[in-house]
Amino acid sequence: QVQLVESGGGLVQAGDSLRLSCAASGRTFSSYAMGWFRQAPGKEREFVAAISRSGGNTGYADSVKGRFTISRDNAKNAVYLQMNSLKPEDTAVYYCAAEWVLGSDYLVQRIGAYDYWGQGTQVTVSS
């Protein structure tokens, strides 16, 4: 099992940057593919970004491609989401998620595939 705790959210203005962190506890963090998702008020939770176990493969939602960067540090049991050029429509609660996988470059982008979730961190972007 793995426990996930997100941090780094806050209130920023449009065009600003934020870096979200997700700290994972438990052994074998490097055995988990990781993802970031978000949920805006009144909307369903949606995929934002994913990263493979090795960190060598990443994927992004079209809405954040070119602005957000996902990364991980397996030595620190952490995954990050660097968010640049933030827009008001990025306002949401952001969640990190983990899924145990065999392949080192396997990406998991489907919400239902993830077994472990953090509690979320609020990101609010004002116009």
N, C-alpha and C. Protein backbone atom coordinates (compact mmCIF):
# COMPACT_ATOMS: atom_id res chain seq x y z
N GLN A 1 0.83 -1.20 0.00
CA GLN A 1 0.00 0.00 0.00
C GLN A 1 0.86 1.24 0.00
N VAL A 2 0.26 2.35 -0.41
CA VAL A 2 0.95 3.62 -0.41
C VAL A 2 -0.03 4.70 0.05
N GLN A 3 0.45 5.61 0.85
CA GLN A 3 -0.34 6.76 1.29
C GLN A 3 0.20 8.01 0.61
N LEU A 4 -0.70 8.86 0.17
CA LEU A 4 -0.34 10.03 -0.62
C LEU A 4 -0.83 11.30 0.05
N VAL A 5 0.04 12.31 0.10
CA VAL A 5 -0.31 13.60 0.68
C VAL A 5 0.13 14.71 -0.27
N GLU A 6 -0.84 15.48 -0.76
CA GLU A 6 -0.54 16.59 -1.66
C GLU A 6 -0.29 17.87 -0.88
N SER A 7 0.48 18.76 -1.48
CA SER A 7 0.73 20.08 -0.91
C SER A 7 1.10 21.04 -2.03
N GLY A 8 1.09 22.32 -1.70
CA GLY A 8 1.54 23.32 -2.65
C GLY A 8 0.45 24.13 -3.32
N GLY A 9 -0.80 23.79 -3.03
CA GLY A 9 -1.88 24.56 -3.62
C GLY A 9 -1.97 25.95 -3.02
N GLY A 10 -2.82 26.78 -3.62
CA GLY A 10 -3.00 28.12 -3.10
C GLY A 10 -3.79 28.99 -4.04
N LEU A 11 -3.82 30.28 -3.71
CA LEU A 11 -4.51 31.28 -4.52
C LEU A 11 -3.48 32.10 -5.28
N VAL A 12 -3.62 32.10 -6.61
CA VAL A 12 -2.68 32.83 -7.45
C VAL A 12 -3.47 33.60 -8.51
N GLN A 13 -2.76 34.47 -9.21
CA GLN A 13 -3.38 35.22 -10.30
C GLN A 13 -3.10 34.53 -11.63
N ALA A 14 -3.93 34.83 -12.58
CA ALA A 14 -3.73 34.28 -13.93
C ALA A 14 -2.34 34.64 -14.43
N GLY A 15 -1.67 33.65 -15.02
CA GLY A 15 -0.31 33.84 -15.51
C GLY A 15 0.76 33.42 -14.53
N ASP A 16 0.39 33.24 -13.28
CA ASP A 16 1.36 32.82 -12.26
C ASP A 16 1.68 31.33 -12.38
N SER A 17 2.60 30.90 -11.54
CA SER A 17 3.01 29.49 -11.50
C SER A 17 2.83 28.93 -10.10
N LEU A 18 2.63 27.62 -10.04
CA LEU A 18 2.58 26.89 -8.78
C LEU A 18 3.25 25.54 -9.00
N ARG A 19 3.81 25.01 -7.92
CA ARG A 19 4.37 23.67 -7.98
C ARG A 19 3.69 22.82 -6.91
N LEU A 20 2.97 21.82 -7.35
CA LEU A 20 2.35 20.89 -6.43
C LEU A 20 3.30 19.74 -6.14
N SER A 21 3.23 19.26 -4.91
CA SER A 21 4.01 18.10 -4.51
C SER A 21 3.09 17.02 -3.97
N CYS A 22 3.51 15.80 -4.14
CA CYS A 22 2.77 14.66 -3.59
C CYS A 22 3.80 13.75 -2.93
N ALA A 23 3.70 13.65 -1.62
CA ALA A 23 4.62 12.79 -0.87
C ALA A 23 3.97 11.43 -0.65
N ALA A 24 4.72 10.40 -0.93
CA ALA A 24 4.22 9.04 -0.80
C ALA A 24 4.94 8.32 0.32
N SER A 25 4.19 7.60 1.12
CA SER A 25 4.78 6.78 2.16
C SER A 25 4.62 5.32 1.78
N GLY A 26 5.42 4.51 2.41
CA GLY A 26 5.40 3.10 2.07
C GLY A 26 6.58 2.73 1.21
N ARG A 27 6.81 1.46 1.12
CA ARG A 27 7.95 0.98 0.37
C ARG A 27 7.63 0.91 -1.12
N THR A 28 8.64 0.74 -1.90
CA THR A 28 8.53 0.48 -3.34
C THR A 28 7.75 1.55 -4.09
N PHE A 29 7.99 2.81 -3.77
CA PHE A 29 7.34 3.90 -4.52
C PHE A 29 7.65 3.78 -5.99
N SER A 30 8.84 3.33 -6.32
CA SER A 30 9.24 3.24 -7.72
C SER A 30 8.49 2.15 -8.48
N SER A 31 7.65 1.40 -7.80
CA SER A 31 6.82 0.38 -8.45
C SER A 31 5.48 0.93 -8.92
N TYR A 32 5.24 2.21 -8.65
CA TYR A 32 3.94 2.81 -8.93
C TYR A 32 4.01 3.83 -10.05
N ALA A 33 3.11 3.68 -11.00
CA ALA A 33 2.86 4.77 -11.92
C ALA A 33 2.04 5.81 -11.18
N MET A 34 2.28 7.07 -11.50
CA MET A 34 1.64 8.17 -10.77
C MET A 34 0.87 9.07 -11.72
N GLY A 35 -0.13 9.71 -11.17
CA GLY A 35 -0.92 10.64 -11.97
C GLY A 35 -1.43 11.80 -11.15
N TRP A 36 -1.74 12.88 -11.85
CA TRP A 36 -2.42 14.03 -11.25
C TRP A 36 -3.78 14.18 -11.93
N PHE A 37 -4.78 14.44 -11.12
CA PHE A 37 -6.14 14.67 -11.59
C PHE A 37 -6.66 15.93 -10.92
N ARG A 38 -7.74 16.47 -11.44
CA ARG A 38 -8.35 17.64 -10.81
C ARG A 38 -9.86 17.58 -10.92
N GLN A 39 -10.50 18.26 -9.98
CA GLN A 39 -11.95 18.31 -9.98
C GLN A 39 -12.40 19.72 -9.64
N ALA A 40 -13.06 20.35 -10.59
CA ALA A 40 -13.61 21.68 -10.38
C ALA A 40 -15.03 21.55 -9.81
N PRO A 41 -15.51 22.60 -9.15
CA PRO A 41 -16.87 22.53 -8.57
C PRO A 41 -17.91 22.20 -9.62
N GLY A 42 -18.74 21.22 -9.31
CA GLY A 42 -19.81 20.83 -10.22
C GLY A 42 -19.38 20.01 -11.42
N LYS A 43 -18.10 19.64 -11.47
CA LYS A 43 -17.61 18.88 -12.60
C LYS A 43 -17.03 17.56 -12.14
N GLU A 44 -16.87 16.63 -13.09
CA GLU A 44 -16.27 15.36 -12.77
C GLU A 44 -14.74 15.50 -12.66
N ARG A 45 -14.17 14.59 -11.93
CA ARG A 45 -12.71 14.56 -11.82
C ARG A 45 -12.12 14.21 -13.18
N GLU A 46 -11.05 14.91 -13.57
CA GLU A 46 -10.47 14.69 -14.88
C GLU A 46 -8.97 14.50 -14.81
N PHE A 47 -8.47 13.81 -15.80
CA PHE A 47 -7.05 13.54 -15.92
C PHE A 47 -6.29 14.82 -16.24
N VAL A 48 -5.12 14.98 -15.61
CA VAL A 48 -4.25 16.13 -15.89
C VAL A 48 -2.92 15.65 -16.48
N ALA A 49 -2.24 14.76 -15.75
CA ALA A 49 -0.92 14.32 -16.19
C ALA A 49 -0.60 12.98 -15.56
N ALA A 50 0.29 12.22 -16.21
CA ALA A 50 0.71 10.93 -15.70
C ALA A 50 2.20 10.75 -15.97
N ILE A 51 2.81 9.92 -15.13
CA ILE A 51 4.23 9.64 -15.29
C ILE A 51 4.47 8.16 -14.98
N SER A 52 5.37 7.56 -15.72
CA SER A 52 5.66 6.15 -15.54
C SER A 52 6.53 5.92 -14.31
N ARG A 53 6.70 4.67 -13.97
CA ARG A 53 7.53 4.32 -12.81
C ARG A 53 8.92 4.91 -12.90
N SER A 54 9.51 4.81 -14.06
CA SER A 54 10.89 5.27 -14.24
C SER A 54 10.99 6.77 -14.40
N GLY A 55 9.85 7.41 -14.71
CA GLY A 55 9.88 8.84 -15.01
C GLY A 55 10.21 9.13 -16.45
N GLY A 56 10.46 8.08 -17.22
CA GLY A 56 10.88 8.28 -18.59
C GLY A 56 9.75 8.51 -19.57
N ASN A 57 8.54 8.30 -19.12
CA ASN A 57 7.37 8.47 -19.99
C ASN A 57 6.34 9.33 -19.28
N THR A 58 5.84 10.34 -19.96
CA THR A 58 4.85 11.24 -19.38
C THR A 58 3.71 11.47 -20.37
N GLY A 59 2.56 11.83 -19.84
CA GLY A 59 1.41 12.14 -20.67
C GLY A 59 0.60 13.26 -20.05
N TYR A 60 -0.08 14.05 -20.91
CA TYR A 60 -0.80 15.23 -20.44
C TYR A 60 -2.16 15.35 -21.13
N ALA A 61 -3.08 15.95 -20.40
CA ALA A 61 -4.33 16.34 -21.01
C ALA A 61 -4.05 17.49 -21.99
N ASP A 62 -4.82 17.57 -23.04
CA ASP A 62 -4.62 18.63 -24.03
C ASP A 62 -4.72 20.01 -23.41
N SER A 63 -5.55 20.15 -22.41
CA SER A 63 -5.80 21.46 -21.81
C SER A 63 -4.59 22.00 -21.04
N VAL A 64 -3.66 21.13 -20.68
CA VAL A 64 -2.50 21.58 -19.89
C VAL A 64 -1.18 21.38 -20.63
N LYS A 65 -1.22 20.74 -21.78
CA LYS A 65 0.00 20.44 -22.51
C LYS A 65 0.74 21.72 -22.85
N GLY A 66 2.03 21.73 -22.56
CA GLY A 66 2.85 22.91 -22.82
C GLY A 66 2.90 23.87 -21.64
N ARG A 67 2.01 23.70 -20.67
CA ARG A 67 2.00 24.59 -19.50
C ARG A 67 2.37 23.85 -18.22
N PHE A 68 1.97 22.58 -18.12
CA PHE A 68 2.22 21.79 -16.92
C PHE A 68 3.31 20.75 -17.21
N THR A 69 4.08 20.44 -16.16
CA THR A 69 5.10 19.41 -16.27
C THR A 69 5.05 18.51 -15.05
N ILE A 70 4.92 17.21 -15.29
CA ILE A 70 4.94 16.24 -14.21
C ILE A 70 6.34 15.65 -14.11
N SER A 71 6.78 15.42 -12.88
CA SER A 71 8.09 14.81 -12.65
C SER A 71 8.02 14.00 -11.37
N ARG A 72 9.04 13.20 -11.15
CA ARG A 72 9.08 12.41 -9.91
C ARG A 72 10.52 12.23 -9.47
N ASP A 73 10.67 12.02 -8.18
CA ASP A 73 11.96 11.73 -7.58
C ASP A 73 11.78 10.47 -6.75
N ASN A 74 12.18 9.34 -7.29
CA ASN A 74 11.96 8.07 -6.60
C ASN A 74 12.79 7.97 -5.33
N ALA A 75 13.88 8.67 -5.26
CA ALA A 75 14.70 8.65 -4.04
C ALA A 75 14.01 9.38 -2.89
N LYS A 76 13.15 10.33 -3.24
CA LYS A 76 12.43 11.10 -2.23
C LYS A 76 10.97 10.68 -2.10
N ASN A 77 10.56 9.65 -2.84
CA ASN A 77 9.18 9.19 -2.79
C ASN A 77 8.20 10.33 -3.08
N ALA A 78 8.47 11.07 -4.14
CA ALA A 78 7.64 12.23 -4.42
C ALA A 78 7.38 12.39 -5.91
N VAL A 79 6.24 12.97 -6.19
CA VAL A 79 5.88 13.35 -7.55
C VAL A 79 5.44 14.81 -7.52
N TYR A 80 5.73 15.51 -8.60
CA TYR A 80 5.49 16.95 -8.64
C TYR A 80 4.67 17.32 -9.87
N LEU A 81 4.01 18.45 -9.77
CA LEU A 81 3.32 19.02 -10.93
C LEU A 81 3.66 20.50 -10.98
N GLN A 82 4.50 20.87 -11.92
CA GLN A 82 4.84 22.27 -12.15
C GLN A 82 3.80 22.87 -13.07
N MET A 83 3.12 23.90 -12.60
CA MET A 83 2.04 24.51 -13.36
C MET A 83 2.42 25.95 -13.68
N ASN A 84 2.57 26.24 -14.95
CA ASN A 84 2.92 27.58 -15.42
C ASN A 84 1.76 28.18 -16.20
N SER A 85 1.81 29.48 -16.36
CA SER A 85 0.79 30.19 -17.14
C SER A 85 -0.61 29.77 -16.73
N LEU A 86 -0.85 29.81 -15.45
CA LEU A 86 -2.14 29.35 -14.93
C LEU A 86 -3.29 30.21 -15.42
N LYS A 87 -4.43 29.56 -15.62
CA LYS A 87 -5.63 30.21 -16.10
C LYS A 87 -6.75 30.02 -15.08
N PRO A 88 -7.74 30.88 -15.07
CA PRO A 88 -8.86 30.69 -14.14
C PRO A 88 -9.51 29.32 -14.29
N GLU A 89 -9.54 28.78 -15.49
CA GLU A 89 -10.16 27.46 -15.69
C GLU A 89 -9.32 26.32 -15.12
N ASP A 90 -8.13 26.61 -14.61
CA ASP A 90 -7.34 25.59 -13.91
C ASP A 90 -7.77 25.47 -12.44
N THR A 91 -8.65 26.33 -12.00
CA THR A 91 -9.12 26.28 -10.61
C THR A 91 -9.81 24.96 -10.34
N ALA A 92 -9.34 24.26 -9.31
CA ALA A 92 -9.86 22.93 -8.99
C ALA A 92 -9.14 22.40 -7.76
N VAL A 93 -9.65 21.32 -7.24
CA VAL A 93 -8.90 20.53 -6.26
C VAL A 93 -8.06 19.53 -7.06
N TYR A 94 -6.78 19.51 -6.77
CA TYR A 94 -5.85 18.63 -7.48
C TYR A 94 -5.49 17.43 -6.60
N TYR A 95 -5.57 16.26 -7.22
CA TYR A 95 -5.31 15.01 -6.53
C TYR A 95 -4.16 14.27 -7.20
N CYS A 96 -3.32 13.65 -6.39
CA CYS A 96 -2.36 12.71 -6.98
C CYS A 96 -2.86 11.29 -6.72
N ALA A 97 -2.45 10.40 -7.57
CA ALA A 97 -2.91 9.02 -7.51
C ALA A 97 -1.76 8.08 -7.87
N ALA A 98 -1.86 6.86 -7.36
CA ALA A 98 -0.80 5.87 -7.58
C ALA A 98 -1.42 4.53 -7.98
N GLU A 99 -0.73 3.86 -8.87
CA GLU A 99 -1.16 2.54 -9.30
C GLU A 99 0.06 1.65 -9.50
N TRP A 100 0.03 0.49 -8.85
CA TRP A 100 1.14 -0.45 -8.99
C TRP A 100 1.12 -1.04 -10.40
N VAL A 101 2.27 -0.98 -11.09
CA VAL A 101 2.35 -1.51 -12.45
C VAL A 101 3.64 -2.30 -12.61
N LEU A 102 3.64 -3.16 -13.61
CA LEU A 102 4.83 -3.97 -13.87
C LEU A 102 5.83 -3.25 -14.79
N GLY A 103 5.32 -2.63 -15.82
CA GLY A 103 6.19 -2.03 -16.81
C GLY A 103 6.77 -0.71 -16.34
N SER A 104 8.06 -0.51 -16.57
CA SER A 104 8.71 0.70 -16.08
C SER A 104 8.31 1.95 -16.85
N ASP A 105 7.83 1.79 -18.07
CA ASP A 105 7.44 2.95 -18.87
C ASP A 105 5.93 3.02 -19.10
N TYR A 106 5.19 2.29 -18.33
CA TYR A 106 3.74 2.23 -18.52
C TYR A 106 3.07 3.46 -17.93
N LEU A 107 2.18 4.09 -18.70
CA LEU A 107 1.43 5.24 -18.24
C LEU A 107 0.01 4.81 -17.88
N VAL A 108 -0.52 5.39 -16.84
CA VAL A 108 -1.89 5.13 -16.44
C VAL A 108 -2.64 6.45 -16.49
N GLN A 109 -3.61 6.56 -17.38
CA GLN A 109 -4.33 7.81 -17.56
C GLN A 109 -5.81 7.70 -17.21
N ARG A 110 -6.28 6.51 -17.01
CA ARG A 110 -7.70 6.30 -16.72
C ARG A 110 -7.94 6.38 -15.23
N ILE A 111 -8.91 7.21 -14.84
CA ILE A 111 -9.18 7.42 -13.42
C ILE A 111 -9.45 6.11 -12.70
N GLY A 112 -10.26 5.27 -13.30
CA GLY A 112 -10.67 4.04 -12.65
C GLY A 112 -9.56 3.04 -12.43
N ALA A 113 -8.42 3.26 -13.07
CA ALA A 113 -7.30 2.33 -12.94
C ALA A 113 -6.49 2.57 -11.68
N TYR A 114 -6.65 3.71 -11.06
CA TYR A 114 -5.86 4.06 -9.89
C TYR A 114 -6.50 3.55 -8.60
N ASP A 115 -5.68 2.93 -7.78
CA ASP A 115 -6.16 2.38 -6.51
C ASP A 115 -5.94 3.31 -5.33
N TYR A 116 -4.96 4.19 -5.42
CA TYR A 116 -4.59 5.00 -4.26
C TYR A 116 -4.66 6.48 -4.62
N TRP A 117 -5.26 7.24 -3.69
CA TRP A 117 -5.51 8.66 -3.92
C TRP A 117 -5.13 9.47 -2.69
N GLY A 118 -4.66 10.71 -2.94
CA GLY A 118 -4.46 11.64 -1.86
C GLY A 118 -5.75 12.37 -1.53
N GLN A 119 -5.66 13.28 -0.57
CA GLN A 119 -6.85 14.00 -0.11
C GLN A 119 -7.12 15.26 -0.93
N GLY A 120 -6.16 15.67 -1.73
CA GLY A 120 -6.34 16.81 -2.62
C GLY A 120 -5.80 18.11 -2.05
N THR A 121 -5.46 19.02 -2.96
CA THR A 121 -5.02 20.36 -2.57
C THR A 121 -5.70 21.37 -3.50
N GLN A 122 -6.19 22.44 -2.92
CA GLN A 122 -6.97 23.42 -3.68
C GLN A 122 -6.05 24.38 -4.43
N VAL A 123 -6.35 24.56 -5.70
CA VAL A 123 -5.69 25.57 -6.52
C VAL A 123 -6.76 26.53 -7.03
N THR A 124 -6.58 27.80 -6.74
CA THR A 124 -7.51 28.82 -7.19
C THR A 124 -6.76 29.87 -7.98
N VAL A 125 -7.21 30.09 -9.20
CA VAL A 125 -6.57 31.06 -10.09
C VAL A 125 -7.56 32.19 -10.35
N SER A 126 -7.18 33.39 -9.92
CA SER A 126 -8.06 34.55 -10.12
C SER A 126 -7.70 35.26 -11.43
N SER A 127 -8.70 35.87 -12.01
CA SER A 127 -8.49 36.55 -13.30
C SER A 127 -8.05 37.99 -13.11
